[in-house]
């Protein structure tokens, strides 16, 4: 991915599991390779209220991954971050089979 390209991502409905409780919500998620961390970092927001520092599983039609809630934005969405394979396709990872 070139230095000025947009990050890859997913926008749409997701399933969210927090402490064994499943719900659906809309999400906007993006991923990028972080050369300092040496891995893919993904983040975004989910239209669900989750307490900061809570781990949650996010599932899209393309896959599942675990993230951590970081904060609630002014509109009531939860900002999340994850490291490693995100719950959506990322061309860079698909090319190397990661």
N, C-alpha and C. Protein backbone atom coordinates (compact mmCIF):
# COMPACT_ATOMS: atom_id res chain seq x y z
N UNK A 1 0.85 -1.16 0.00
CA UNK A 1 0.00 0.00 0.00
C UNK A 1 0.90 1.23 0.00
N UNK A 2 0.65 2.13 -0.89
CA UNK A 2 1.44 3.35 -0.99
C UNK A 2 1.20 4.28 0.18
N UNK A 3 2.10 5.20 0.36
CA UNK A 3 2.06 6.08 1.51
C UNK A 3 0.81 6.96 1.56
N UNK A 4 0.20 7.29 0.41
CA UNK A 4 -0.95 8.18 0.40
C UNK A 4 -2.26 7.47 0.09
N UNK A 5 -2.28 6.15 0.10
CA UNK A 5 -3.51 5.42 -0.18
C UNK A 5 -4.39 5.38 1.06
N UNK A 6 -5.70 5.27 0.84
CA UNK A 6 -6.64 5.14 1.94
C UNK A 6 -6.48 3.77 2.57
N UNK A 7 -6.70 3.66 3.89
CA UNK A 7 -6.64 2.35 4.51
C UNK A 7 -7.79 1.48 4.03
N UNK A 8 -7.56 0.16 4.06
CA UNK A 8 -8.62 -0.76 3.68
C UNK A 8 -9.60 -0.84 4.84
N UNK A 9 -10.86 -1.20 4.52
CA UNK A 9 -11.80 -1.23 5.61
C UNK A 9 -13.11 -1.91 5.31
N UNK A 10 -14.04 -1.75 6.25
CA UNK A 10 -15.37 -2.34 6.18
C UNK A 10 -16.33 -1.35 6.80
N UNK A 11 -17.50 -1.20 6.17
CA UNK A 11 -18.56 -0.40 6.73
C UNK A 11 -19.86 -1.16 6.54
N UNK A 12 -20.57 -1.39 7.62
CA UNK A 12 -21.83 -2.11 7.54
C UNK A 12 -22.19 -2.73 8.88
N UNK A 13 -23.10 -3.72 8.82
CA UNK A 13 -23.57 -4.36 10.04
C UNK A 13 -22.55 -5.39 10.54
N UNK A 14 -22.42 -5.44 11.86
CA UNK A 14 -21.52 -6.40 12.51
C UNK A 14 -22.26 -7.06 13.67
N UNK A 15 -21.74 -8.19 14.09
CA UNK A 15 -22.19 -8.82 15.32
C UNK A 15 -21.13 -8.53 16.37
N UNK A 16 -21.57 -8.12 17.55
CA UNK A 16 -20.67 -7.77 18.64
C UNK A 16 -20.97 -8.69 19.82
N UNK A 17 -19.93 -9.30 20.37
CA UNK A 17 -20.09 -10.14 21.56
C UNK A 17 -19.25 -9.54 22.67
N UNK A 18 -19.93 -9.19 23.78
CA UNK A 18 -19.27 -8.64 24.97
C UNK A 18 -19.73 -9.46 26.17
N UNK A 19 -18.80 -10.08 26.85
CA UNK A 19 -19.11 -10.89 28.03
C UNK A 19 -20.22 -11.90 27.75
N UNK A 20 -20.18 -12.54 26.58
CA UNK A 20 -21.14 -13.56 26.23
C UNK A 20 -22.48 -13.06 25.72
N UNK A 21 -22.66 -11.74 25.68
CA UNK A 21 -23.90 -11.15 25.19
C UNK A 21 -23.70 -10.70 23.75
N UNK A 22 -24.58 -11.20 22.85
CA UNK A 22 -24.46 -10.91 21.41
C UNK A 22 -25.47 -9.85 21.00
N UNK A 23 -25.02 -8.90 20.18
CA UNK A 23 -25.90 -7.88 19.61
C UNK A 23 -25.41 -7.54 18.22
N UNK A 24 -26.23 -6.83 17.47
CA UNK A 24 -25.81 -6.35 16.16
C UNK A 24 -25.72 -4.83 16.19
N UNK A 25 -24.86 -4.29 15.35
CA UNK A 25 -24.65 -2.84 15.30
C UNK A 25 -24.04 -2.48 13.96
N UNK A 26 -24.06 -1.21 13.63
CA UNK A 26 -23.35 -0.72 12.45
C UNK A 26 -21.94 -0.38 12.88
N UNK A 27 -21.00 -0.55 11.94
CA UNK A 27 -19.61 -0.26 12.25
C UNK A 27 -18.91 0.34 11.03
N UNK A 28 -17.90 1.12 11.30
CA UNK A 28 -16.98 1.63 10.28
C UNK A 28 -15.58 1.31 10.79
N UNK A 29 -14.88 0.42 10.06
CA UNK A 29 -13.58 -0.07 10.50
C UNK A 29 -12.54 0.10 9.40
N UNK A 30 -11.32 0.36 9.77
CA UNK A 30 -10.23 0.49 8.81
C UNK A 30 -8.98 -0.19 9.31
N UNK A 31 -8.10 -0.59 8.39
CA UNK A 31 -6.86 -1.27 8.76
C UNK A 31 -5.70 -0.69 8.00
N UNK A 32 -4.53 -0.76 8.62
CA UNK A 32 -3.30 -0.31 7.97
C UNK A 32 -2.14 -1.09 8.56
N UNK A 33 -1.07 -1.18 7.81
CA UNK A 33 0.15 -1.81 8.31
C UNK A 33 0.93 -0.78 9.09
N UNK A 34 1.29 -1.10 10.32
CA UNK A 34 2.10 -0.21 11.14
C UNK A 34 3.53 -0.73 11.15
N UNK A 35 4.44 -0.08 10.44
CA UNK A 35 5.80 -0.59 10.35
C UNK A 35 6.53 -0.59 11.70
N UNK A 36 6.17 0.30 12.61
CA UNK A 36 6.82 0.31 13.92
C UNK A 36 6.39 -0.89 14.76
N UNK A 37 5.12 -1.27 14.66
CA UNK A 37 4.62 -2.44 15.39
C UNK A 37 4.93 -3.72 14.64
N UNK A 38 5.15 -3.61 13.33
CA UNK A 38 5.42 -4.78 12.51
C UNK A 38 4.20 -5.64 12.27
N UNK A 39 3.01 -5.04 12.37
CA UNK A 39 1.78 -5.80 12.16
C UNK A 39 0.66 -4.88 11.66
N UNK A 40 -0.44 -5.51 11.30
CA UNK A 40 -1.62 -4.75 10.89
C UNK A 40 -2.34 -4.25 12.13
N UNK A 41 -2.70 -2.99 12.12
CA UNK A 41 -3.45 -2.36 13.19
C UNK A 41 -4.78 -1.94 12.59
N UNK A 42 -5.87 -2.26 13.27
CA UNK A 42 -7.18 -1.85 12.76
C UNK A 42 -7.97 -1.15 13.86
N UNK A 43 -8.85 -0.27 13.44
CA UNK A 43 -9.61 0.51 14.41
C UNK A 43 -10.87 1.04 13.73
N UNK A 44 -11.71 1.66 14.51
CA UNK A 44 -12.92 2.26 13.97
C UNK A 44 -13.92 2.50 15.07
N UNK A 45 -15.19 2.52 14.66
CA UNK A 45 -16.24 2.76 15.64
C UNK A 45 -17.40 1.82 15.41
N UNK A 46 -18.05 1.47 16.49
CA UNK A 46 -19.20 0.57 16.48
C UNK A 46 -20.35 1.31 17.16
N UNK A 47 -21.53 1.27 16.55
CA UNK A 47 -22.70 1.96 17.11
C UNK A 47 -23.31 1.13 18.24
N UNK A 48 -22.55 0.98 19.31
CA UNK A 48 -22.97 0.26 20.50
C UNK A 48 -22.20 0.82 21.68
N UNK A 49 -22.82 0.83 22.83
CA UNK A 49 -22.12 1.34 24.02
C UNK A 49 -21.40 0.20 24.71
N UNK A 50 -20.09 0.34 24.79
CA UNK A 50 -19.23 -0.64 25.47
C UNK A 50 -18.26 0.16 26.34
N UNK A 51 -18.11 -0.26 27.56
CA UNK A 51 -17.22 0.45 28.48
C UNK A 51 -15.77 0.40 27.98
N UNK A 52 -15.03 1.49 28.14
CA UNK A 52 -13.62 1.49 27.75
C UNK A 52 -12.85 0.35 28.41
N UNK A 53 -11.86 -0.15 27.69
CA UNK A 53 -10.96 -1.23 28.12
C UNK A 53 -11.64 -2.59 28.15
N UNK A 54 -12.83 -2.68 27.58
CA UNK A 54 -13.54 -3.95 27.48
C UNK A 54 -13.14 -4.64 26.19
N UNK A 55 -12.89 -5.95 26.26
CA UNK A 55 -12.60 -6.73 25.05
C UNK A 55 -13.92 -7.15 24.43
N UNK A 56 -13.99 -7.09 23.12
CA UNK A 56 -15.19 -7.50 22.41
C UNK A 56 -14.81 -8.24 21.14
N UNK A 57 -15.66 -9.15 20.73
CA UNK A 57 -15.45 -9.86 19.47
C UNK A 57 -16.36 -9.22 18.44
N UNK A 58 -15.78 -8.88 17.30
CA UNK A 58 -16.52 -8.26 16.20
C UNK A 58 -16.51 -9.22 15.03
N UNK A 59 -17.71 -9.50 14.49
CA UNK A 59 -17.84 -10.40 13.35
C UNK A 59 -18.53 -9.68 12.21
N UNK A 60 -17.92 -9.77 11.03
CA UNK A 60 -18.51 -9.27 9.79
C UNK A 60 -18.78 -10.49 8.91
N UNK A 61 -19.38 -10.30 7.74
CA UNK A 61 -19.55 -11.44 6.83
C UNK A 61 -18.21 -12.03 6.37
N UNK A 62 -17.12 -11.33 6.60
CA UNK A 62 -15.80 -11.76 6.13
C UNK A 62 -14.94 -12.40 7.21
N UNK A 63 -15.36 -12.35 8.49
CA UNK A 63 -14.56 -12.96 9.53
C UNK A 63 -14.81 -12.36 10.90
N UNK A 64 -14.05 -12.84 11.89
CA UNK A 64 -14.18 -12.38 13.29
C UNK A 64 -12.80 -12.02 13.83
N UNK A 65 -12.80 -11.09 14.78
CA UNK A 65 -11.56 -10.74 15.45
C UNK A 65 -11.91 -10.08 16.78
N UNK A 66 -10.92 -10.01 17.66
CA UNK A 66 -11.10 -9.40 18.97
C UNK A 66 -10.50 -8.00 18.97
N UNK A 67 -11.21 -7.08 19.60
CA UNK A 67 -10.76 -5.69 19.71
C UNK A 67 -10.92 -5.25 21.16
N UNK A 68 -10.43 -4.06 21.43
CA UNK A 68 -10.64 -3.45 22.74
C UNK A 68 -11.35 -2.12 22.55
N UNK A 69 -12.36 -1.88 23.37
CA UNK A 69 -13.04 -0.60 23.36
C UNK A 69 -12.10 0.44 23.97
N UNK A 70 -11.99 1.59 23.31
CA UNK A 70 -11.07 2.60 23.83
C UNK A 70 -11.79 3.80 24.44
N UNK A 71 -12.92 4.21 23.86
CA UNK A 71 -13.65 5.35 24.39
C UNK A 71 -15.01 5.44 23.69
N UNK A 72 -15.88 6.27 24.25
CA UNK A 72 -17.16 6.56 23.62
C UNK A 72 -17.05 7.93 22.98
N UNK A 73 -17.44 8.02 21.70
CA UNK A 73 -17.35 9.31 21.02
C UNK A 73 -18.58 10.17 21.36
N UNK A 74 -18.61 11.44 20.96
CA UNK A 74 -19.72 12.34 21.30
C UNK A 74 -21.09 11.88 20.78
N UNK A 75 -21.13 10.96 19.81
CA UNK A 75 -22.37 10.49 19.23
C UNK A 75 -22.83 9.17 19.84
N UNK A 76 -22.14 8.67 20.86
CA UNK A 76 -22.52 7.44 21.53
C UNK A 76 -21.95 6.18 20.93
N UNK A 77 -21.09 6.30 19.93
CA UNK A 77 -20.42 5.14 19.34
C UNK A 77 -19.22 4.76 20.19
N UNK A 78 -18.84 3.50 20.13
CA UNK A 78 -17.65 3.03 20.82
C UNK A 78 -16.50 2.94 19.84
N UNK A 79 -15.39 3.57 20.16
CA UNK A 79 -14.18 3.44 19.34
C UNK A 79 -13.45 2.19 19.78
N UNK A 80 -12.96 1.43 18.79
CA UNK A 80 -12.30 0.16 19.06
C UNK A 80 -10.96 0.10 18.33
N UNK A 81 -10.04 -0.71 18.88
CA UNK A 81 -8.77 -0.97 18.21
C UNK A 81 -8.44 -2.45 18.33
N UNK A 82 -7.76 -2.96 17.31
CA UNK A 82 -7.31 -4.34 17.31
C UNK A 82 -5.97 -4.45 16.61
N UNK A 83 -5.25 -5.52 16.88
CA UNK A 83 -3.96 -5.77 16.25
C UNK A 83 -4.02 -7.14 15.62
N UNK A 84 -3.46 -7.27 14.42
CA UNK A 84 -3.48 -8.54 13.71
C UNK A 84 -4.59 -8.57 12.68
N UNK A 85 -4.97 -9.76 12.28
CA UNK A 85 -5.97 -9.88 11.22
C UNK A 85 -7.31 -9.29 11.67
N UNK A 86 -7.82 -8.29 10.93
CA UNK A 86 -9.11 -7.70 11.26
C UNK A 86 -10.26 -8.60 10.80
N UNK A 87 -11.49 -8.26 11.18
CA UNK A 87 -12.64 -9.08 10.80
C UNK A 87 -13.16 -8.78 9.38
N UNK A 88 -12.30 -8.31 8.52
CA UNK A 88 -12.65 -8.02 7.13
C UNK A 88 -11.42 -8.24 6.28
N UNK A 89 -11.62 -8.36 4.98
CA UNK A 89 -10.50 -8.63 4.08
C UNK A 89 -9.55 -7.44 3.99
N UNK A 90 -8.27 -7.78 3.99
CA UNK A 90 -7.21 -6.79 3.79
C UNK A 90 -6.30 -7.36 2.72
N UNK A 91 -6.21 -6.66 1.60
CA UNK A 91 -5.46 -7.15 0.45
C UNK A 91 -4.04 -7.56 0.80
N UNK A 92 -3.34 -6.77 1.59
CA UNK A 92 -1.96 -7.07 1.96
C UNK A 92 -1.88 -8.44 2.66
N UNK A 93 -2.78 -8.72 3.57
CA UNK A 93 -2.76 -10.00 4.28
C UNK A 93 -3.16 -11.15 3.38
N UNK A 94 -4.14 -10.93 2.52
CA UNK A 94 -4.59 -11.98 1.61
C UNK A 94 -3.50 -12.36 0.62
N UNK A 95 -2.67 -11.39 0.21
CA UNK A 95 -1.59 -11.66 -0.74
C UNK A 95 -0.52 -12.57 -0.14
N UNK A 96 -0.24 -12.41 1.17
CA UNK A 96 0.81 -13.20 1.80
C UNK A 96 0.28 -14.40 2.56
N UNK A 97 -1.05 -14.58 2.53
CA UNK A 97 -1.65 -15.73 3.20
C UNK A 97 -1.67 -15.61 4.70
N UNK A 98 -1.54 -14.35 5.24
CA UNK A 98 -1.52 -14.13 6.69
C UNK A 98 -2.84 -14.16 7.21
